């Protein structure tokens, strides 16, 4: 890992960008007025890059993998909340499909990272 550590991980960069995007779209229209759902999806979105960073900074791969699984779960949480937001009319189809694609991409990247880092220990 280079001098920038977790910031060099493509999955962290994509997760951070997703969080920024979530913050922007949740300020618009009815989504901006639904403080409960807005807060929940923002927390879940921020949890993804935060857990990737925390995992990457851990001493062992076993510890890191635990945090990567948490990040993967948060990605599923964001997708679930986006589905709900879409179905109640807070998100248009194009925005929802972009969120869905980004969540699936991050989840897949995390699966690959988990596999790679799990090779050093017996789960």
N, C-alpha and C. Protein backbone atom coordinates (compact mmCIF):
# COMPACT_ATOMS: atom_id res chain seq x y z
N UNK A 1 0.85 -1.19 0.00
CA UNK A 1 0.00 0.00 0.00
C UNK A 1 0.89 1.24 0.00
N UNK A 2 0.53 2.22 -0.77
CA UNK A 2 1.31 3.45 -0.88
C UNK A 2 1.14 4.37 0.31
N UNK A 3 1.66 5.55 0.19
CA UNK A 3 1.64 6.49 1.31
C UNK A 3 0.25 7.00 1.67
N UNK A 4 -0.69 6.91 0.73
CA UNK A 4 -2.05 7.37 1.02
C UNK A 4 -2.96 6.27 1.56
N UNK A 5 -2.43 5.08 1.75
CA UNK A 5 -3.17 4.00 2.40
C UNK A 5 -4.51 3.72 1.74
N UNK A 6 -5.56 3.68 2.57
CA UNK A 6 -6.89 3.32 2.11
C UNK A 6 -7.41 4.23 1.00
N UNK A 7 -6.93 5.47 0.94
CA UNK A 7 -7.40 6.40 -0.10
C UNK A 7 -7.02 5.95 -1.50
N UNK A 8 -6.05 5.04 -1.60
CA UNK A 8 -5.64 4.51 -2.89
C UNK A 8 -6.54 3.36 -3.35
N UNK A 9 -7.34 2.81 -2.46
CA UNK A 9 -8.24 1.71 -2.83
C UNK A 9 -9.37 2.24 -3.70
N UNK A 10 -9.52 1.64 -4.89
CA UNK A 10 -10.59 2.06 -5.81
C UNK A 10 -11.97 1.92 -5.16
N UNK A 11 -12.15 0.86 -4.38
CA UNK A 11 -13.45 0.64 -3.75
C UNK A 11 -13.73 1.73 -2.71
N UNK A 12 -12.71 2.20 -2.01
CA UNK A 12 -12.92 3.31 -1.06
C UNK A 12 -13.29 4.58 -1.82
N UNK A 13 -12.60 4.84 -2.93
CA UNK A 13 -12.89 6.04 -3.73
C UNK A 13 -14.33 6.02 -4.24
N UNK A 14 -14.77 4.88 -4.74
CA UNK A 14 -16.14 4.76 -5.26
C UNK A 14 -17.16 4.89 -4.12
N UNK A 15 -16.86 4.32 -2.97
CA UNK A 15 -17.78 4.40 -1.83
C UNK A 15 -17.87 5.83 -1.30
N UNK A 16 -16.74 6.51 -1.27
CA UNK A 16 -16.74 7.92 -0.83
C UNK A 16 -17.55 8.77 -1.80
N UNK A 17 -17.37 8.54 -3.10
CA UNK A 17 -18.13 9.28 -4.11
C UNK A 17 -19.63 8.99 -3.99
N UNK A 18 -19.98 7.74 -3.70
CA UNK A 18 -21.38 7.39 -3.49
C UNK A 18 -21.95 8.18 -2.30
N UNK A 19 -21.20 8.29 -1.23
CA UNK A 19 -21.66 9.03 -0.05
C UNK A 19 -21.93 10.50 -0.39
N UNK A 20 -21.01 11.09 -1.12
CA UNK A 20 -21.18 12.50 -1.53
C UNK A 20 -22.44 12.65 -2.38
N UNK A 21 -22.63 11.71 -3.31
CA UNK A 21 -23.80 11.73 -4.18
C UNK A 21 -25.09 11.59 -3.36
N UNK A 22 -25.09 10.67 -2.41
CA UNK A 22 -26.26 10.46 -1.54
C UNK A 22 -26.60 11.76 -0.80
N UNK A 23 -25.60 12.43 -0.27
CA UNK A 23 -25.84 13.69 0.42
C UNK A 23 -26.50 14.71 -0.50
N UNK A 24 -26.05 14.77 -1.74
CA UNK A 24 -26.62 15.74 -2.69
C UNK A 24 -28.06 15.42 -3.05
N UNK A 25 -28.34 14.16 -3.39
CA UNK A 25 -29.70 13.83 -3.84
C UNK A 25 -30.72 13.80 -2.71
N UNK A 26 -30.27 13.64 -1.48
CA UNK A 26 -31.22 13.60 -0.37
C UNK A 26 -31.60 14.99 0.13
N UNK A 27 -31.08 16.02 -0.49
CA UNK A 27 -31.48 17.39 -0.16
C UNK A 27 -32.58 17.90 -1.08
N UNK A 28 -32.97 17.09 -2.05
CA UNK A 28 -33.89 17.53 -3.10
C UNK A 28 -35.31 17.03 -2.83
N UNK A 29 -36.28 17.91 -3.05
CA UNK A 29 -37.70 17.55 -3.02
C UNK A 29 -38.16 16.92 -1.71
N UNK A 30 -39.06 15.95 -1.84
CA UNK A 30 -39.63 15.30 -0.66
C UNK A 30 -38.60 14.52 0.14
N UNK A 31 -37.57 14.04 -0.54
CA UNK A 31 -36.51 13.31 0.18
C UNK A 31 -35.89 14.23 1.24
N UNK A 32 -35.69 15.47 0.88
CA UNK A 32 -35.09 16.43 1.81
C UNK A 32 -35.94 16.71 3.04
N UNK A 33 -37.24 16.45 2.92
CA UNK A 33 -38.16 16.70 4.04
C UNK A 33 -38.37 15.47 4.92
N UNK A 34 -37.99 14.31 4.41
CA UNK A 34 -38.15 13.06 5.16
C UNK A 34 -36.88 12.82 5.98
N UNK A 35 -36.83 13.46 7.14
CA UNK A 35 -35.59 13.46 7.93
C UNK A 35 -35.16 12.05 8.36
N UNK A 36 -36.11 11.19 8.61
CA UNK A 36 -35.79 9.84 9.07
C UNK A 36 -35.07 9.03 7.97
N UNK A 37 -35.70 8.93 6.80
CA UNK A 37 -35.10 8.15 5.71
C UNK A 37 -33.82 8.82 5.22
N UNK A 38 -33.83 10.14 5.14
CA UNK A 38 -32.64 10.89 4.70
C UNK A 38 -31.47 10.60 5.63
N UNK A 39 -31.71 10.66 6.93
CA UNK A 39 -30.66 10.40 7.91
C UNK A 39 -30.16 8.96 7.81
N UNK A 40 -31.08 8.03 7.67
CA UNK A 40 -30.71 6.62 7.63
C UNK A 40 -29.87 6.27 6.40
N UNK A 41 -30.27 6.74 5.22
CA UNK A 41 -29.51 6.41 4.01
C UNK A 41 -28.16 7.12 4.03
N UNK A 42 -28.10 8.32 4.60
CA UNK A 42 -26.81 9.02 4.71
C UNK A 42 -25.87 8.28 5.65
N UNK A 43 -26.38 7.83 6.78
CA UNK A 43 -25.53 7.08 7.73
C UNK A 43 -25.00 5.80 7.10
N UNK A 44 -25.88 5.09 6.39
CA UNK A 44 -25.47 3.84 5.75
C UNK A 44 -24.42 4.12 4.67
N UNK A 45 -24.63 5.19 3.90
CA UNK A 45 -23.69 5.53 2.82
C UNK A 45 -22.32 5.89 3.39
N UNK A 46 -22.30 6.68 4.45
CA UNK A 46 -21.03 7.10 5.07
C UNK A 46 -20.33 5.90 5.71
N UNK A 47 -21.11 4.94 6.16
CA UNK A 47 -20.55 3.74 6.79
C UNK A 47 -19.71 2.91 5.82
N UNK A 48 -20.03 2.95 4.54
CA UNK A 48 -19.30 2.12 3.58
C UNK A 48 -17.83 2.53 3.50
N UNK A 49 -17.51 3.78 3.09
CA UNK A 49 -16.08 4.13 3.02
C UNK A 49 -15.42 4.17 4.39
N UNK A 50 -16.18 4.49 5.42
CA UNK A 50 -15.61 4.55 6.78
C UNK A 50 -15.12 3.18 7.22
N UNK A 51 -15.92 2.14 6.97
CA UNK A 51 -15.52 0.79 7.36
C UNK A 51 -14.42 0.23 6.47
N UNK A 52 -14.40 0.63 5.20
CA UNK A 52 -13.30 0.23 4.33
C UNK A 52 -12.00 0.82 4.87
N UNK A 53 -12.03 2.10 5.21
CA UNK A 53 -10.84 2.78 5.74
C UNK A 53 -10.40 2.15 7.05
N UNK A 54 -11.35 1.92 7.95
CA UNK A 54 -11.00 1.34 9.25
C UNK A 54 -10.43 -0.06 9.08
N UNK A 55 -11.05 -0.86 8.22
CA UNK A 55 -10.55 -2.20 7.98
C UNK A 55 -9.16 -2.20 7.41
N UNK A 56 -8.92 -1.32 6.45
CA UNK A 56 -7.61 -1.28 5.81
C UNK A 56 -6.51 -0.86 6.77
N UNK A 57 -6.86 -0.12 7.78
CA UNK A 57 -5.87 0.36 8.76
C UNK A 57 -5.64 -0.64 9.91
N UNK A 58 -6.42 -1.71 9.95
CA UNK A 58 -6.27 -2.71 11.01
C UNK A 58 -4.97 -3.49 10.88
N UNK A 59 -4.55 -4.09 11.98
CA UNK A 59 -3.26 -4.79 12.03
C UNK A 59 -3.25 -6.10 11.25
N UNK A 60 -4.38 -6.80 11.22
CA UNK A 60 -4.40 -8.11 10.56
C UNK A 60 -5.46 -8.15 9.46
N UNK A 61 -5.25 -9.05 8.51
CA UNK A 61 -6.24 -9.23 7.45
C UNK A 61 -7.57 -9.74 8.02
N UNK A 62 -7.50 -10.56 9.07
CA UNK A 62 -8.72 -11.07 9.68
C UNK A 62 -9.58 -9.93 10.21
N UNK A 63 -8.93 -8.98 10.89
CA UNK A 63 -9.66 -7.80 11.39
C UNK A 63 -10.19 -6.97 10.22
N UNK A 64 -9.36 -6.79 9.19
CA UNK A 64 -9.76 -5.99 8.03
C UNK A 64 -11.00 -6.58 7.37
N UNK A 65 -11.01 -7.88 7.18
CA UNK A 65 -12.12 -8.54 6.51
C UNK A 65 -13.43 -8.32 7.26
N UNK A 66 -13.38 -8.33 8.58
CA UNK A 66 -14.59 -8.08 9.38
C UNK A 66 -15.19 -6.72 9.02
N UNK A 67 -14.36 -5.70 8.90
CA UNK A 67 -14.85 -4.36 8.55
C UNK A 67 -15.32 -4.28 7.11
N UNK A 68 -14.67 -5.04 6.22
CA UNK A 68 -15.11 -5.06 4.82
C UNK A 68 -16.50 -5.69 4.71
N UNK A 69 -16.77 -6.71 5.53
CA UNK A 69 -18.12 -7.30 5.55
C UNK A 69 -19.15 -6.30 6.05
N UNK A 70 -18.80 -5.51 7.03
CA UNK A 70 -19.71 -4.47 7.54
C UNK A 70 -20.00 -3.46 6.43
N UNK A 71 -18.96 -3.06 5.69
CA UNK A 71 -19.13 -2.13 4.58
C UNK A 71 -20.06 -2.72 3.52
N UNK A 72 -19.89 -4.02 3.24
CA UNK A 72 -20.74 -4.71 2.26
C UNK A 72 -22.20 -4.70 2.72
N UNK A 73 -22.41 -4.91 4.01
CA UNK A 73 -23.76 -4.86 4.56
C UNK A 73 -24.36 -3.46 4.44
N UNK A 74 -23.55 -2.45 4.66
CA UNK A 74 -24.03 -1.07 4.53
C UNK A 74 -24.39 -0.75 3.09
N UNK A 75 -23.67 -1.33 2.14
CA UNK A 75 -24.00 -1.14 0.73
C UNK A 75 -25.39 -1.72 0.42
N UNK A 76 -25.68 -2.88 0.97
CA UNK A 76 -27.00 -3.49 0.81
C UNK A 76 -28.08 -2.63 1.48
N UNK A 77 -27.72 -2.02 2.60
CA UNK A 77 -28.65 -1.14 3.31
C UNK A 77 -28.98 0.09 2.45
N UNK A 78 -27.96 0.69 1.85
CA UNK A 78 -28.19 1.85 0.97
C UNK A 78 -29.09 1.45 -0.20
N UNK A 79 -28.82 0.30 -0.80
CA UNK A 79 -29.63 -0.15 -1.93
C UNK A 79 -31.08 -0.36 -1.50
N UNK A 80 -31.29 -0.98 -0.35
CA UNK A 80 -32.65 -1.20 0.16
C UNK A 80 -33.38 0.13 0.36
N UNK A 81 -32.70 1.09 0.96
CA UNK A 81 -33.32 2.39 1.21
C UNK A 81 -33.57 3.14 -0.09
N UNK A 82 -32.69 2.95 -1.08
CA UNK A 82 -32.91 3.56 -2.39
C UNK A 82 -34.13 2.95 -3.08
N UNK A 83 -34.30 1.64 -2.94
CA UNK A 83 -35.49 0.97 -3.51
C UNK A 83 -36.75 1.56 -2.90
N UNK A 84 -36.75 1.71 -1.59
CA UNK A 84 -37.91 2.29 -0.90
C UNK A 84 -38.14 3.73 -1.36
N UNK A 85 -37.07 4.51 -1.43
CA UNK A 85 -37.18 5.92 -1.85
C UNK A 85 -37.73 6.00 -3.28
N UNK A 86 -37.29 5.10 -4.14
CA UNK A 86 -37.80 5.07 -5.52
C UNK A 86 -39.28 4.71 -5.54
N UNK A 87 -39.65 3.69 -4.78
CA UNK A 87 -41.04 3.22 -4.81
C UNK A 87 -42.02 4.22 -4.20
N UNK A 88 -41.56 5.09 -3.32
CA UNK A 88 -42.46 6.11 -2.75
C UNK A 88 -42.34 7.45 -3.48
N UNK A 89 -41.54 7.47 -4.55
CA UNK A 89 -41.50 8.64 -5.40
C UNK A 89 -40.46 9.69 -5.05
N UNK A 90 -39.51 9.37 -4.18
CA UNK A 90 -38.45 10.32 -3.83
C UNK A 90 -37.33 10.36 -4.86
N UNK A 91 -37.15 9.27 -5.58
CA UNK A 91 -36.10 9.18 -6.60
C UNK A 91 -36.72 8.87 -7.95
N UNK A 92 -36.20 9.50 -9.00
CA UNK A 92 -36.64 9.14 -10.34
C UNK A 92 -35.92 7.86 -10.76
N UNK A 93 -36.40 7.26 -11.84
CA UNK A 93 -35.87 5.96 -12.31
C UNK A 93 -34.38 6.04 -12.63
N UNK A 94 -33.95 7.10 -13.30
CA UNK A 94 -32.55 7.25 -13.69
C UNK A 94 -31.63 7.33 -12.46
N UNK A 95 -32.03 8.12 -11.48
CA UNK A 95 -31.23 8.26 -10.24
C UNK A 95 -31.18 6.93 -9.50
N UNK A 96 -32.34 6.28 -9.39
CA UNK A 96 -32.37 4.98 -8.70
C UNK A 96 -31.46 3.97 -9.40
N UNK A 97 -31.54 3.88 -10.72
CA UNK A 97 -30.73 2.91 -11.46
C UNK A 97 -29.24 3.19 -11.30
N UNK A 98 -28.86 4.45 -11.24
CA UNK A 98 -27.47 4.82 -11.00
C UNK A 98 -27.03 4.36 -9.60
N UNK A 99 -27.87 4.61 -8.61
CA UNK A 99 -27.56 4.17 -7.24
C UNK A 99 -27.45 2.66 -7.17
N UNK A 100 -28.38 1.97 -7.81
CA UNK A 100 -28.37 0.51 -7.80
C UNK A 100 -27.07 -0.02 -8.42
N UNK A 101 -26.68 0.55 -9.55
CA UNK A 101 -25.46 0.12 -10.24
C UNK A 101 -24.24 0.37 -9.36
N UNK A 102 -24.19 1.53 -8.73
CA UNK A 102 -23.04 1.86 -7.88
C UNK A 102 -22.96 0.94 -6.66
N UNK A 103 -24.09 0.68 -6.03
CA UNK A 103 -24.11 -0.21 -4.85
C UNK A 103 -23.66 -1.62 -5.24
N UNK A 104 -24.16 -2.12 -6.36
CA UNK A 104 -23.77 -3.47 -6.81
C UNK A 104 -22.28 -3.53 -7.15
N UNK A 105 -21.78 -2.48 -7.78
CA UNK A 105 -20.37 -2.44 -8.14
C UNK A 105 -19.49 -2.44 -6.88
N UNK A 106 -19.84 -1.62 -5.91
CA UNK A 106 -19.08 -1.55 -4.65
C UNK A 106 -19.14 -2.88 -3.92
N UNK A 107 -20.31 -3.48 -3.87
CA UNK A 107 -20.47 -4.77 -3.21
C UNK A 107 -19.60 -5.84 -3.87
N UNK A 108 -19.57 -5.85 -5.20
CA UNK A 108 -18.73 -6.81 -5.92
C UNK A 108 -17.25 -6.58 -5.66
N UNK A 109 -16.85 -5.32 -5.64
CA UNK A 109 -15.45 -4.99 -5.36
C UNK A 109 -15.08 -5.42 -3.94
N UNK A 110 -16.00 -5.23 -3.00
CA UNK A 110 -15.75 -5.65 -1.62
C UNK A 110 -15.64 -7.17 -1.52
N UNK A 111 -16.46 -7.89 -2.27
CA UNK A 111 -16.36 -9.35 -2.29
C UNK A 111 -14.97 -9.79 -2.75
N UNK A 112 -14.47 -9.13 -3.80
CA UNK A 112 -13.14 -9.45 -4.30
C UNK A 112 -12.06 -9.11 -3.27
N UNK A 113 -12.20 -7.99 -2.60
CA UNK A 113 -11.24 -7.58 -1.57
C UNK A 113 -11.26 -8.56 -0.40
N UNK A 114 -12.45 -8.98 0.00
CA UNK A 114 -12.60 -9.95 1.09
C UNK A 114 -11.91 -11.27 0.71
N UNK A 115 -12.14 -11.74 -0.52
CA UNK A 115 -11.50 -12.98 -0.98
C UNK A 115 -9.98 -12.85 -0.94
N UNK A 116 -9.48 -11.75 -1.46
CA UNK A 116 -8.03 -11.55 -1.52
C UNK A 116 -7.41 -11.49 -0.12
N UNK A 117 -8.06 -10.80 0.79
CA UNK A 117 -7.50 -10.64 2.14
C UNK A 117 -7.75 -11.86 3.02
N UNK A 118 -8.70 -12.70 2.64
CA UNK A 118 -9.00 -13.91 3.42
C UNK A 118 -8.01 -15.03 3.16
N UNK A 119 -7.21 -14.91 2.13
CA UNK A 119 -6.25 -15.96 1.79
C UNK A 119 -5.14 -16.11 2.82
N UNK A 120 -4.97 -15.11 3.67
CA UNK A 120 -3.87 -15.14 4.65
C UNK A 120 -4.25 -15.80 5.97
N UNK A 121 -5.54 -16.18 6.13
CA UNK A 121 -5.97 -16.80 7.38
C UNK A 121 -7.11 -17.77 7.12
N UNK A 122 -7.38 -18.62 8.11
CA UNK A 122 -8.50 -19.56 8.01
C UNK A 122 -9.72 -18.92 8.68
N UNK A 123 -10.81 -18.70 7.88
CA UNK A 123 -12.01 -18.05 8.46
C UNK A 123 -12.68 -18.89 9.53
